[in-house]
């Protein structure tokens, strides 16, 4: 069960990361910056997440 949740969270993090990057270039501004930072933080946290846990 934990593995399924972890995979879903990783996919969501990667999606948000990519969306944040694209949105930042498409429409610079406060909302885009927040979206980019949130997506980057989530993407990085899932990349660094321990796979064994």
Protein backbone atom coordinates (compact mmCIF):
# COMPACT_ATOMS: atom_id res chain seq x y z
CA UNK A 1 0.00 0.00 0.00
CA UNK A 2 2.79 2.41 0.91
CA UNK A 3 4.51 1.70 -2.40
CA UNK A 4 1.39 2.61 -4.39
CA UNK A 5 0.98 5.85 -2.44
CA UNK A 6 4.67 6.69 -2.89
CA UNK A 7 4.49 6.15 -6.67
CA UNK A 8 1.37 8.32 -6.94
CA UNK A 9 2.97 11.07 -4.88
CA UNK A 10 6.11 10.95 -7.01
CA UNK A 11 4.03 11.27 -10.18
CA UNK A 12 2.10 14.20 -8.71
CA UNK A 13 5.36 15.86 -7.64
CA UNK A 14 6.89 15.47 -11.09
CA UNK A 15 3.72 16.80 -12.74
CA UNK A 16 3.60 19.83 -10.45
CA UNK A 17 7.29 20.44 -11.03
CA UNK A 18 6.89 20.41 -14.81
CA UNK A 19 3.71 22.48 -14.65
CA UNK A 20 5.40 25.01 -12.39
CA UNK A 21 8.34 25.38 -14.80
CA UNK A 22 6.09 25.81 -17.84
CA UNK A 23 3.77 28.19 -16.02
CA UNK A 24 6.67 30.31 -14.81
CA UNK A 25 7.88 30.83 -18.39
CA UNK A 26 4.35 31.31 -19.74
CA UNK A 27 3.16 33.88 -17.21
CA UNK A 28 5.79 35.35 -14.87
CA UNK A 29 4.34 36.69 -11.65
CA UNK A 30 3.61 35.93 -8.03
CA UNK A 31 1.23 33.05 -8.77
CA UNK A 32 3.70 31.50 -11.20
CA UNK A 33 6.52 31.82 -8.68
CA UNK A 34 4.44 30.17 -5.97
CA UNK A 35 3.46 27.38 -8.36
CA UNK A 36 7.05 26.88 -9.44
CA UNK A 37 8.44 26.79 -5.90
CA UNK A 38 5.69 24.45 -4.71
CA UNK A 39 6.19 22.09 -7.64
CA UNK A 40 9.97 22.19 -7.24
CA UNK A 41 9.74 21.50 -3.51
CA UNK A 42 7.37 18.56 -4.02
CA UNK A 43 9.41 17.13 -6.88
CA UNK A 44 12.65 17.40 -4.93
CA UNK A 45 11.11 15.92 -1.77
CA UNK A 46 9.91 12.84 -3.67
CA UNK A 47 13.27 12.42 -5.41
CA UNK A 48 15.01 12.51 -2.03
CA UNK A 49 12.36 10.35 -0.33
CA UNK A 50 13.89 7.11 1.04
CA UNK A 51 12.75 4.25 -1.18
CA UNK A 52 12.94 1.67 1.64
CA UNK A 53 10.47 3.38 3.98
